[in-house]
Amino acid sequence: MSTFALLTKLAPDEARDPRVREEHGRQWMTKVKAKCPGVKWLSHYLVLGPHDFLDLYEAANEEEAAKVAMISLSLGALSAETWTLLPYQRYLQLAKEM
């Protein structure tokens, strides 16, 4: 399993009403669980910056990670940016191999 970060930016009207946001968040998670059952959630954060949310999760491959971002976009996100993460200790091992 690889680790991924998903940075999401919401449409302005999507973030105004916390009750609506909470319901849409539940719908999003339900759809992700149904379409991407192998995804393991690590954490979910509000971001004070150019994005609204940061999700950290594990997925089997890039295709499964892409589905998570595509679901976000299909449910009203303005943008969904996915990053592949490499643990620092693994980076050190790779660097020593070089």
PDB file of N, CA and C in Angstrom:
ATOM      1  N   MET A   1       0.847  -1.179   0.000  1.00  0.00           N
ATOM      2  CA  MET A   1       0.000   0.000   0.000  1.00  0.00           C
ATOM      3  C   MET A   1       0.893   1.242   0.000  1.00  0.00           C
ATOM      4  N   SER A   2       0.485   2.211  -0.796  1.00  0.00           N
ATOM      5  CA  SER A   2       1.172   3.494  -0.845  1.00  0.00           C
ATOM      6  C   SER A   2       0.348   4.526  -0.087  1.00  0.00           C
ATOM      7  N   THR A   3       1.020   5.567   0.374  1.00  0.00           N
ATOM      8  CA  THR A   3       0.347   6.644   1.102  1.00  0.00           C
ATOM      9  C   THR A   3       0.155   7.829   0.177  1.00  0.00           C
ATOM     10  N   PHE A   4      -1.029   8.435   0.258  1.00  0.00           N
ATOM     11  CA  PHE A   4      -1.381   9.566  -0.587  1.00  0.00           C
ATOM     12  C   PHE A   4      -1.942  10.702   0.254  1.00  0.00           C
ATOM     13  N   ALA A   5      -1.776  11.915  -0.256  1.00  0.00           N
ATOM     14  CA  ALA A   5      -2.405  13.099   0.325  1.00  0.00           C
ATOM     15  C   ALA A   5      -3.352  13.663  -0.719  1.00  0.00           C
ATOM     16  N   LEU A   6      -4.555  14.001  -0.301  1.00  0.00           N
ATOM     17  CA  LEU A   6      -5.535  14.637  -1.175  1.00  0.00           C
ATOM     18  C   LEU A   6      -5.805  16.024  -0.627  1.00  0.00           C
ATOM     19  N   LEU A   7      -5.505  17.043  -1.429  1.00  0.00           N
ATOM     20  CA  LEU A   7      -5.802  18.433  -1.069  1.00  0.00           C
ATOM     21  C   LEU A   7      -7.024  18.864  -1.866  1.00  0.00           C
ATOM     22  N   THR A   8      -8.069  19.296  -1.164  1.00  0.00           N
ATOM     23  CA  THR A   8      -9.336  19.628  -1.805  1.00  0.00           C
ATOM     24  C   THR A   8      -9.682  21.088  -1.574  1.00  0.00           C
ATOM     25  N   LYS A   9     -10.164  21.720  -2.625  1.00  0.00           N
ATOM     26  CA  LYS A   9     -10.684  23.092  -2.566  1.00  0.00           C
ATOM     27  C   LYS A   9     -12.163  23.029  -2.891  1.00  0.00           C
ATOM     28  N   LEU A  10     -12.995  23.568  -1.992  1.00  0.00           N
ATOM     29  CA  LEU A  10     -14.441  23.540  -2.178  1.00  0.00           C
ATOM     30  C   LEU A  10     -14.923  24.764  -2.954  1.00  0.00           C
ATOM     31  N   ALA A  11     -16.077  24.624  -3.562  1.00  0.00           N
ATOM     32  CA  ALA A  11     -16.749  25.780  -4.148  1.00  0.00           C
ATOM     33  C   ALA A  11     -17.173  26.692  -2.996  1.00  0.00           C
ATOM     34  N   PRO A  12     -17.171  28.020  -3.201  1.00  0.00           N
ATOM     35  CA  PRO A  12     -17.509  28.938  -2.100  1.00  0.00           C
ATOM     36  C   PRO A  12     -18.848  28.632  -1.429  1.00  0.00           C
ATOM     37  N   ASP A  13     -19.875  28.321  -2.185  1.00  0.00           N
ATOM     38  CA  ASP A  13     -21.179  28.036  -1.582  1.00  0.00           C
ATOM     39  C   ASP A  13     -21.186  26.724  -0.807  1.00  0.00           C
ATOM     40  N   GLU A  14     -20.259  25.842  -1.111  1.00  0.00           N
ATOM     41  CA  GLU A  14     -20.181  24.537  -0.444  1.00  0.00           C
ATOM     42  C   GLU A  14     -19.703  24.680   1.002  1.00  0.00           C
ATOM     43  N   ALA A  15     -18.929  25.702   1.296  1.00  0.00           N
ATOM     44  CA  ALA A  15     -18.321  25.843   2.618  1.00  0.00           C
ATOM     45  C   ALA A  15     -19.125  26.749   3.556  1.00  0.00           C
ATOM     46  N   ARG A  16     -20.191  27.368   3.095  1.00  0.00           N
ATOM     47  CA  ARG A  16     -20.914  28.373   3.895  1.00  0.00           C
ATOM     48  C   ARG A  16     -21.714  27.784   5.054  1.00  0.00           C
ATOM     49  N   ASP A  17     -22.452  26.735   4.796  1.00  0.00           N
ATOM     50  CA  ASP A  17     -23.336  26.171   5.819  1.00  0.00           C
ATOM     51  C   ASP A  17     -22.720  24.888   6.369  1.00  0.00           C
ATOM     52  N   PRO A  18     -22.328  24.891   7.637  1.00  0.00           N
ATOM     53  CA  PRO A  18     -21.674  23.700   8.211  1.00  0.00           C
ATOM     54  C   PRO A  18     -22.546  22.451   8.155  1.00  0.00           C
ATOM     55  N   ARG A  19     -23.866  22.602   8.268  1.00  0.00           N
ATOM     56  CA  ARG A  19     -24.746  21.421   8.225  1.00  0.00           C
ATOM     57  C   ARG A  19     -24.719  20.792   6.832  1.00  0.00           C
ATOM     58  N   VAL A  20     -24.760  21.650   5.807  1.00  0.00           N
ATOM     59  CA  VAL A  20     -24.692  21.150   4.428  1.00  0.00           C
ATOM     60  C   VAL A  20     -23.339  20.503   4.197  1.00  0.00           C
ATOM     61  N   ARG A  21     -22.272  21.149   4.658  1.00  0.00           N
ATOM     62  CA  ARG A  21     -20.916  20.614   4.479  1.00  0.00           C
ATOM     63  C   ARG A  21     -20.791  19.250   5.146  1.00  0.00           C
ATOM     64  N   GLU A  22     -21.354  19.116   6.345  1.00  0.00           N
ATOM     65  CA  GLU A  22     -21.277  17.843   7.057  1.00  0.00           C
ATOM     66  C   GLU A  22     -22.009  16.738   6.286  1.00  0.00           C
ATOM     67  N   GLU A  23     -23.185  17.052   5.772  1.00  0.00           N
ATOM     68  CA  GLU A  23     -23.948  16.068   5.004  1.00  0.00           C
ATOM     69  C   GLU A  23     -23.214  15.681   3.725  1.00  0.00           C
ATOM     70  N   HIS A  24     -22.664  16.659   3.021  1.00  0.00           N
ATOM     71  CA  HIS A  24     -21.920  16.357   1.795  1.00  0.00           C
ATOM     72  C   HIS A  24     -20.664  15.544   2.110  1.00  0.00           C
ATOM     73  N   GLY A  25     -20.042  15.815   3.245  1.00  0.00           N
ATOM     74  CA  GLY A  25     -18.890  15.023   3.665  1.00  0.00           C
ATOM     75  C   GLY A  25     -19.260  13.567   3.905  1.00  0.00           C
ATOM     76  N   ARG A  26     -20.423  13.341   4.516  1.00  0.00           N
ATOM     77  CA  ARG A  26     -20.900  11.963   4.731  1.00  0.00           C
ATOM     78  C   ARG A  26     -21.170  11.269   3.397  1.00  0.00           C
ATOM     79  N   GLN A  27     -21.804  11.999   2.479  1.00  0.00           N
ATOM     80  CA  GLN A  27     -22.083  11.437   1.153  1.00  0.00           C
ATOM     81  C   GLN A  27     -20.785  11.072   0.444  1.00  0.00           C
ATOM     82  N   TRP A  28     -19.785  11.953   0.561  1.00  0.00           N
ATOM     83  CA  TRP A  28     -18.491  11.715  -0.073  1.00  0.00           C
ATOM     84  C   TRP A  28     -17.853  10.437   0.491  1.00  0.00           C
ATOM     85  N   MET A  29     -17.828  10.321   1.813  1.00  0.00           N
ATOM     86  CA  MET A  29     -17.199   9.159   2.436  1.00  0.00           C
ATOM     87  C   MET A  29     -17.949   7.880   2.078  1.00  0.00           C
ATOM     88  N   THR A  30     -19.261   7.920   2.035  1.00  0.00           N
ATOM     89  CA  THR A  30     -20.060   6.749   1.653  1.00  0.00           C
ATOM     90  C   THR A  30     -19.703   6.303   0.240  1.00  0.00           C
ATOM     91  N   LYS A  31     -19.593   7.254  -0.669  1.00  0.00           N
ATOM     92  CA  LYS A  31     -19.274   6.924  -2.061  1.00  0.00           C
ATOM     93  C   LYS A  31     -17.845   6.393  -2.187  1.00  0.00           C
ATOM     94  N   VAL A  32     -16.904   7.003  -1.468  1.00  0.00           N
ATOM     95  CA  VAL A  32     -15.514   6.529  -1.508  1.00  0.00           C
ATOM     96  C   VAL A  32     -15.441   5.097  -0.972  1.00  0.00           C
ATOM     97  N   LYS A  33     -16.110   4.827   0.137  1.00  0.00           N
ATOM     98  CA  LYS A  33     -16.081   3.473   0.715  1.00  0.00           C
ATOM     99  C   LYS A  33     -16.679   2.450  -0.248  1.00  0.00           C
ATOM    100  N   ALA A  34     -17.721   2.850  -0.973  1.00  0.00           N
ATOM    101  CA  ALA A  34     -18.371   1.932  -1.915  1.00  0.00           C
ATOM    102  C   ALA A  34     -17.518   1.686  -3.151  1.00  0.00           C
ATOM    103  N   LYS A  35     -16.903   2.727  -3.678  1.00  0.00           N
ATOM    104  CA  LYS A  35     -16.144   2.629  -4.932  1.00  0.00           C
ATOM    105  C   LYS A  35     -14.674   2.281  -4.727  1.00  0.00           C
ATOM    106  N   CYS A  36     -14.157   2.532  -3.532  1.00  0.00           N
ATOM    107  CA  CYS A  36     -12.728   2.300  -3.239  1.00  0.00           C
ATOM    108  C   CYS A  36     -12.593   1.570  -1.901  1.00  0.00           C
ATOM    109  N   PRO A  37     -13.082   0.332  -1.814  1.00  0.00           N
ATOM    110  CA  PRO A  37     -13.100  -0.359  -0.521  1.00  0.00           C
ATOM    111  C   PRO A  37     -11.710  -0.651   0.056  1.00  0.00           C
ATOM    112  N   GLY A  38     -10.690  -0.621  -0.776  1.00  0.00           N
ATOM    113  CA  GLY A  38      -9.350  -0.895  -0.278  1.00  0.00           C
ATOM    114  C   GLY A  38      -8.644   0.298   0.340  1.00  0.00           C
ATOM    115  N   VAL A  39      -9.238   1.476   0.245  1.00  0.00           N
ATOM    116  CA  VAL A  39      -8.617   2.683   0.795  1.00  0.00           C
ATOM    117  C   VAL A  39      -8.690   2.651   2.318  1.00  0.00           C
ATOM    118  N   LYS A  40      -7.562   2.949   2.952  1.00  0.00           N
ATOM    119  CA  LYS A  40      -7.499   3.008   4.415  1.00  0.00           C
ATOM    120  C   LYS A  40      -7.245   4.466   4.804  1.00  0.00           C
ATOM    121  N   TRP A  41      -8.183   5.060   5.553  1.00  0.00           N
ATOM    122  CA  TRP A  41      -8.070   6.465   5.951  1.00  0.00           C
ATOM    123  C   TRP A  41      -7.138   6.612   7.131  1.00  0.00           C
ATOM    124  N   LEU A  42      -6.227   7.564   7.037  1.00  0.00           N
ATOM    125  CA  LEU A  42      -5.286   7.834   8.112  1.00  0.00           C
ATOM    126  C   LEU A  42      -5.675   9.074   8.900  1.00  0.00           C
ATOM    127  N   SER A  43      -6.057  10.159   8.198  1.00  0.00           N
ATOM    128  CA  SER A  43      -6.467  11.379   8.896  1.00  0.00           C
ATOM    129  C   SER A  43      -7.135  12.354   7.935  1.00  0.00           C
ATOM    130  N   HIS A  44      -7.857  13.304   8.519  1.00  0.00           N
ATOM    131  CA  HIS A  44      -8.609  14.309   7.762  1.00  0.00           C
ATOM    132  C   HIS A  44      -8.421  15.644   8.483  1.00  0.00           C
ATOM    133  N   TYR A  45      -7.999  16.671   7.758  1.00  0.00           N
ATOM    134  CA  TYR A  45      -7.716  17.976   8.363  1.00  0.00           C
ATOM    135  C   TYR A  45      -8.374  19.113   7.590  1.00  0.00           C
ATOM    136  N   LEU A  46      -8.767  20.150   8.308  1.00  0.00           N
ATOM    137  CA  LEU A  46      -9.102  21.432   7.718  1.00  0.00           C
ATOM    138  C   LEU A  46      -7.780  22.140   7.483  1.00  0.00           C
ATOM    139  N   VAL A  47      -7.624  22.815   6.354  1.00  0.00           N
ATOM    140  CA  VAL A  47      -6.377  23.505   6.023  1.00  0.00           C
ATOM    141  C   VAL A  47      -6.629  25.002   6.014  1.00  0.00           C
ATOM    142  N   LEU A  48      -5.790  25.752   6.687  1.00  0.00           N
ATOM    143  CA  LEU A  48      -5.850  27.214   6.648  1.00  0.00           C
ATOM    144  C   LEU A  48      -4.862  27.671   5.586  1.00  0.00           C
ATOM    145  N   GLY A  49      -5.314  27.759   4.371  1.00  0.00           N
ATOM    146  CA  GLY A  49      -4.447  28.099   3.247  1.00  0.00           C
ATOM    147  C   GLY A  49      -5.220  28.018   1.954  1.00  0.00           C
ATOM    148  N   PRO A  50      -4.542  27.772   0.847  1.00  0.00           N
ATOM    149  CA  PRO A  50      -5.217  27.779  -0.450  1.00  0.00           C
ATOM    150  C   PRO A  50      -6.154  26.588  -0.681  1.00  0.00           C
ATOM    151  N   HIS A  51      -6.029  25.556   0.122  1.00  0.00           N
ATOM    152  CA  HIS A  51      -6.941  24.410   0.041  1.00  0.00           C
ATOM    153  C   HIS A  51      -7.819  24.406   1.281  1.00  0.00           C
ATOM    154  N   ASP A  52      -8.907  23.647   1.232  1.00  0.00           N
ATOM    155  CA  ASP A  52      -9.819  23.575   2.376  1.00  0.00           C
ATOM    156  C   ASP A  52      -9.592  22.346   3.252  1.00  0.00           C
ATOM    157  N   PHE A  53      -9.268  21.207   2.623  1.00  0.00           N
ATOM    158  CA  PHE A  53      -9.093  19.971   3.374  1.00  0.00           C
ATOM    159  C   PHE A  53      -7.872  19.204   2.896  1.00  0.00           C
ATOM    160  N   LEU A  54      -7.280  18.467   3.833  1.00  0.00           N
ATOM    161  CA  LEU A  54      -6.174  17.553   3.548  1.00  0.00           C
ATOM    162  C   LEU A  54      -6.568  16.199   4.107  1.00  0.00           C
ATOM    163  N   ASP A  55      -6.570  15.199   3.243  1.00  0.00           N
ATOM    164  CA  ASP A  55      -6.838  13.824   3.658  1.00  0.00           C
ATOM    165  C   ASP A  55      -5.598  12.987   3.405  1.00  0.00           C
ATOM    166  N   LEU A  56      -5.231  12.189   4.377  1.00  0.00           N
ATOM    167  CA  LEU A  56      -4.123  11.246   4.231  1.00  0.00           C
ATOM    168  C   LEU A  56      -4.715   9.849   4.256  1.00  0.00           C
ATOM    169  N   TYR A  57      -4.317   9.042   3.275  1.00  0.00           N
ATOM    170  CA  TYR A  57      -4.879   7.696   3.176  1.00  0.00           C
ATOM    171  C   TYR A  57      -3.914   6.773   2.455  1.00  0.00           C
ATOM    172  N   GLU A  58      -4.136   5.490   2.606  1.00  0.00           N
ATOM    173  CA  GLU A  58      -3.368   4.471   1.905  1.00  0.00           C
ATOM    174  C   GLU A  58      -4.252   3.850   0.838  1.00  0.00           C
ATOM    175  N   ALA A  59      -3.651   3.586  -0.307  1.00  0.00           N
ATOM    176  CA  ALA A  59      -4.357   2.932  -1.410  1.00  0.00           C
ATOM    177  C   ALA A  59      -3.395   1.965  -2.084  1.00  0.00           C
ATOM    178  N   ALA A  60      -3.949   0.987  -2.764  1.00  0.00           N
ATOM    179  CA  ALA A  60      -3.134  -0.042  -3.406  1.00  0.00           C
ATOM    180  C   ALA A  60      -2.284   0.513  -4.542  1.00  0.00           C
ATOM    181  N   ASN A  61      -2.805   1.530  -5.230  1.00  0.00           N
ATOM    182  CA  ASN A  61      -2.083   2.056  -6.391  1.00  0.00           C
ATOM    183  C   ASN A  61      -2.620   3.438  -6.765  1.00  0.00           C
ATOM    184  N   GLU A  62      -2.017   4.017  -7.786  1.00  0.00           N
ATOM    185  CA  GLU A  62      -2.381   5.362  -8.226  1.00  0.00           C
ATOM    186  C   GLU A  62      -3.799   5.405  -8.794  1.00  0.00           C
ATOM    187  N   GLU A  63      -4.248   4.333  -9.415  1.00  0.00           N
ATOM    188  CA  GLU A  63      -5.596   4.320  -9.976  1.00  0.00           C
ATOM    189  C   GLU A  63      -6.655   4.429  -8.885  1.00  0.00           C
ATOM    190  N   GLU A  64      -6.446   3.697  -7.810  1.00  0.00           N
ATOM    191  CA  GLU A  64      -7.392   3.782  -6.694  1.00  0.00           C
ATOM    192  C   GLU A  64      -7.353   5.173  -6.065  1.00  0.00           C
ATOM    193  N   ALA A  65      -6.167   5.749  -5.955  1.00  0.00           N
ATOM    194  CA  ALA A  65      -6.031   7.113  -5.426  1.00  0.00           C
ATOM    195  C   ALA A  65      -6.722   8.117  -6.346  1.00  0.00           C
ATOM    196  N   ALA A  66      -6.607   7.921  -7.645  1.00  0.00           N
ATOM    197  CA  ALA A  66      -7.259   8.814  -8.604  1.00  0.00           C
ATOM    198  C   ALA A  66      -8.775   8.764  -8.459  1.00  0.00           C
ATOM    199  N   LYS A  67      -9.313   7.596  -8.161  1.00  0.00           N
ATOM    200  CA  LYS A  67     -10.764   7.476  -7.972  1.00  0.00           C
ATOM    201  C   LYS A  67     -11.239   8.347  -6.809  1.00  0.00           C
ATOM    202  N   VAL A  68     -10.451   8.393  -5.737  1.00  0.00           N
ATOM    203  CA  VAL A  68     -10.820   9.220  -4.583  1.00  0.00           C
ATOM    204  C   VAL A  68     -10.925  10.684  -5.012  1.00  0.00           C
ATOM    205  N   ALA A  69      -9.944  11.161  -5.768  1.00  0.00           N
ATOM    206  CA  ALA A  69      -9.971  12.548  -6.245  1.00  0.00           C
ATOM    207  C   ALA A  69     -11.138  12.767  -7.201  1.00  0.00           C
ATOM    208  N   MET A  70     -11.410  11.815  -8.061  1.00  0.00           N
ATOM    209  CA  MET A  70     -12.505  11.942  -9.018  1.00  0.00           C
ATOM    210  C   MET A  70     -13.865  12.006  -8.307  1.00  0.00           C
ATOM    211  N   ILE A  71     -13.999  11.264  -7.231  1.00  0.00           N
ATOM    212  CA  ILE A  71     -15.235  11.323  -6.452  1.00  0.00           C
ATOM    213  C   ILE A  71     -15.388  12.720  -5.841  1.00  0.00           C
ATOM    214  N   SER A  72     -14.307  13.280  -5.337  1.00  0.00           N
ATOM    215  CA  SER A  72     -14.358  14.641  -4.779  1.00  0.00           C
ATOM    216  C   SER A  72     -14.822  15.634  -5.829  1.00  0.00           C
ATOM    217  N   LEU A  73     -14.276  15.530  -7.017  1.00  0.00           N
ATOM    218  CA  LEU A  73     -14.650  16.445  -8.098  1.00  0.00           C
ATOM    219  C   LEU A  73     -16.105  16.237  -8.522  1.00  0.00           C
ATOM    220  N   SER A  74     -16.561  14.986  -8.515  1.00  0.00           N
ATOM    221  CA  SER A  74     -17.940  14.708  -8.925  1.00  0.00           C
ATOM    222  C   SER A  74     -18.964  15.225  -7.920  1.00  0.00           C
ATOM    223  N   LEU A  75     -18.530  15.479  -6.680  1.00  0.00           N
ATOM    224  CA  LEU A  75     -19.444  15.948  -5.638  1.00  0.00           C
ATOM    225  C   LEU A  75     -19.241  17.425  -5.306  1.00  0.00           C
ATOM    226  N   GLY A  76     -18.657  18.180  -6.240  1.00  0.00           N
ATOM    227  CA  GLY A  76     -18.635  19.626  -6.080  1.00  0.00           C
ATOM    228  C   GLY A  76     -17.329  20.285  -5.693  1.00  0.00           C
ATOM    229  N   ALA A  77     -16.265  19.544  -5.540  1.00  0.00           N
ATOM    230  CA  ALA A  77     -14.980  20.188  -5.242  1.00  0.00           C
ATOM    231  C   ALA A  77     -14.516  20.975  -6.471  1.00  0.00           C
ATOM    232  N   LEU A  78     -13.947  22.152  -6.241  1.00  0.00           N
ATOM    233  CA  LEU A  78     -13.379  22.931  -7.346  1.00  0.00           C
ATOM    234  C   LEU A  78     -12.086  22.303  -7.840  1.00  0.00           C
ATOM    235  N   SER A  79     -11.320  21.773  -6.896  1.00  0.00           N
ATOM    236  CA  SER A  79     -10.074  21.099  -7.271  1.00  0.00           C
ATOM    237  C   SER A  79      -9.791  19.985  -6.278  1.00  0.00           C
ATOM    238  N   ALA A  80      -9.087  18.981  -6.755  1.00  0.00           N
ATOM    239  CA  ALA A  80      -8.675  17.849  -5.925  1.00  0.00           C
ATOM    240  C   ALA A  80      -7.289  17.444  -6.408  1.00  0.00           C
ATOM    241  N   GLU A  81      -6.303  17.702  -5.592  1.00  0.00           N
ATOM    242  CA  GLU A  81      -4.902  17.475  -5.949  1.00  0.00           C
ATOM    243  C   GLU A  81      -4.365  16.314  -5.119  1.00  0.00           C
ATOM    244  N   THR A  82      -3.840  15.292  -5.794  1.00  0.00           N
ATOM    245  CA  THR A  82      -3.339  14.105  -5.103  1.00  0.00           C
ATOM    246  C   THR A  82      -1.821  14.059  -5.172  1.00  0.00           C
ATOM    247  N   TRP A  83      -1.204  13.804  -4.041  1.00  0.00           N
ATOM    248  CA  TRP A  83       0.251  13.657  -3.943  1.00  0.00           C
ATOM    249  C   TRP A  83       0.580  12.264  -3.427  1.00  0.00           C
ATOM    250  N   THR A  84       1.618  11.661  -3.984  1.00  0.00           N
ATOM    251  CA  THR A  84       2.141  10.400  -3.461  1.00  0.00           C
ATOM    252  C   THR A  84       3.153  10.738  -2.368  1.00  0.00           C
ATOM    253  N   LEU A  85       3.068  10.057  -1.235  1.00  0.00           N
ATOM    254  CA  LEU A  85       3.959  10.330  -0.107  1.00  0.00           C
ATOM    255  C   LEU A  85       4.910   9.159   0.098  1.00  0.00           C
ATOM    256  N   LEU A  86       6.127   9.480   0.437  1.00  0.00           N
ATOM    257  CA  LEU A  86       7.155   8.479   0.712  1.00  0.00           C
ATOM    258  C   LEU A  86       7.649   8.705   2.131  1.00  0.00           C
ATOM    259  N   PRO A  87       7.609   7.683   2.987  1.00  0.00           N
ATOM    260  CA  PRO A  87       8.094   7.860   4.359  1.00  0.00           C
ATOM    261  C   PRO A  87       9.560   8.312   4.368  1.00  0.00           C
ATOM    262  N   TYR A  88       9.888   9.144   5.314  1.00  0.00           N
ATOM    263  CA  TYR A  88      11.228   9.715   5.395  1.00  0.00           C
ATOM    264  C   TYR A  88      12.307   8.635   5.516  1.00  0.00           C
ATOM    265  N   GLN A  89      12.050   7.612   6.318  1.00  0.00           N
ATOM    266  CA  GLN A  89      13.050   6.551   6.480  1.00  0.00           C
ATOM    267  C   GLN A  89      13.300   5.829   5.154  1.00  0.00           C
ATOM    268  N   ARG A  90      12.268   5.670   4.346  1.00  0.00           N
ATOM    269  CA  ARG A  90      12.441   5.050   3.022  1.00  0.00           C
ATOM    270  C   ARG A  90      13.267   5.948   2.117  1.00  0.00           C
ATOM    271  N   TYR A  91      13.042   7.242   2.210  1.00  0.00           N
ATOM    272  CA  TYR A  91      13.855   8.199   1.464  1.00  0.00           C
ATOM    273  C   TYR A  91      15.333   8.040   1.832  1.00  0.00           C
ATOM    274  N   LEU A  92      15.622   7.929   3.111  1.00  0.00           N
ATOM    275  CA  LEU A  92      17.014   7.777   3.542  1.00  0.00           C
ATOM    276  C   LEU A  92      17.625   6.492   2.986  1.00  0.00           C
ATOM    277  N   GLN A  93      16.845   5.410   2.975  1.00  0.00           N
ATOM    278  CA  GLN A  93      17.338   4.144   2.412  1.00  0.00           C
ATOM    279  C   GLN A  93      17.645   4.302   0.927  1.00  0.00           C
ATOM    280  N   LEU A  94      16.759   4.944   0.211  1.00  0.00           N
ATOM    281  CA  LEU A  94      16.977   5.150  -1.234  1.00  0.00           C
ATOM    282  C   LEU A  94      18.201   6.025  -1.485  1.00  0.00           C
ATOM    283  N   ALA A  95      18.364   7.047  -0.669  1.00  0.00           N
ATOM    284  CA  ALA A  95      19.501   7.948  -0.825  1.00  0.00           C
ATOM    285  C   ALA A  95      20.821   7.211  -0.608  1.00  0.00           C
ATOM    286  N   LYS A  96      20.836   6.299   0.343  1.00  0.00           N
ATOM    287  CA  LYS A  96      22.055   5.517   0.612  1.00  0.00           C
ATOM    288  C   LYS A  96      22.378   4.581  -0.536  1.00  0.00           C
ATOM    289  N   GLU A  97      21.342   4.120  -1.247  1.00  0.00           N
ATOM    290  CA  GLU A  97      21.552   3.247  -2.394  1.00  0.00           C
ATOM    291  C   GLU A  97      22.167   4.001  -3.575  1.00  0.00           C
ATOM    292  N   MET A  98      21.979   5.275  -3.614  1.00  0.00           N
ATOM    293  CA  MET A  98      22.490   6.085  -4.711  1.00  0.00           C
ATOM    294  C   MET A  98      23.979   6.295  -4.533  1.00  0.00           C
TER     295      MET A  98
END
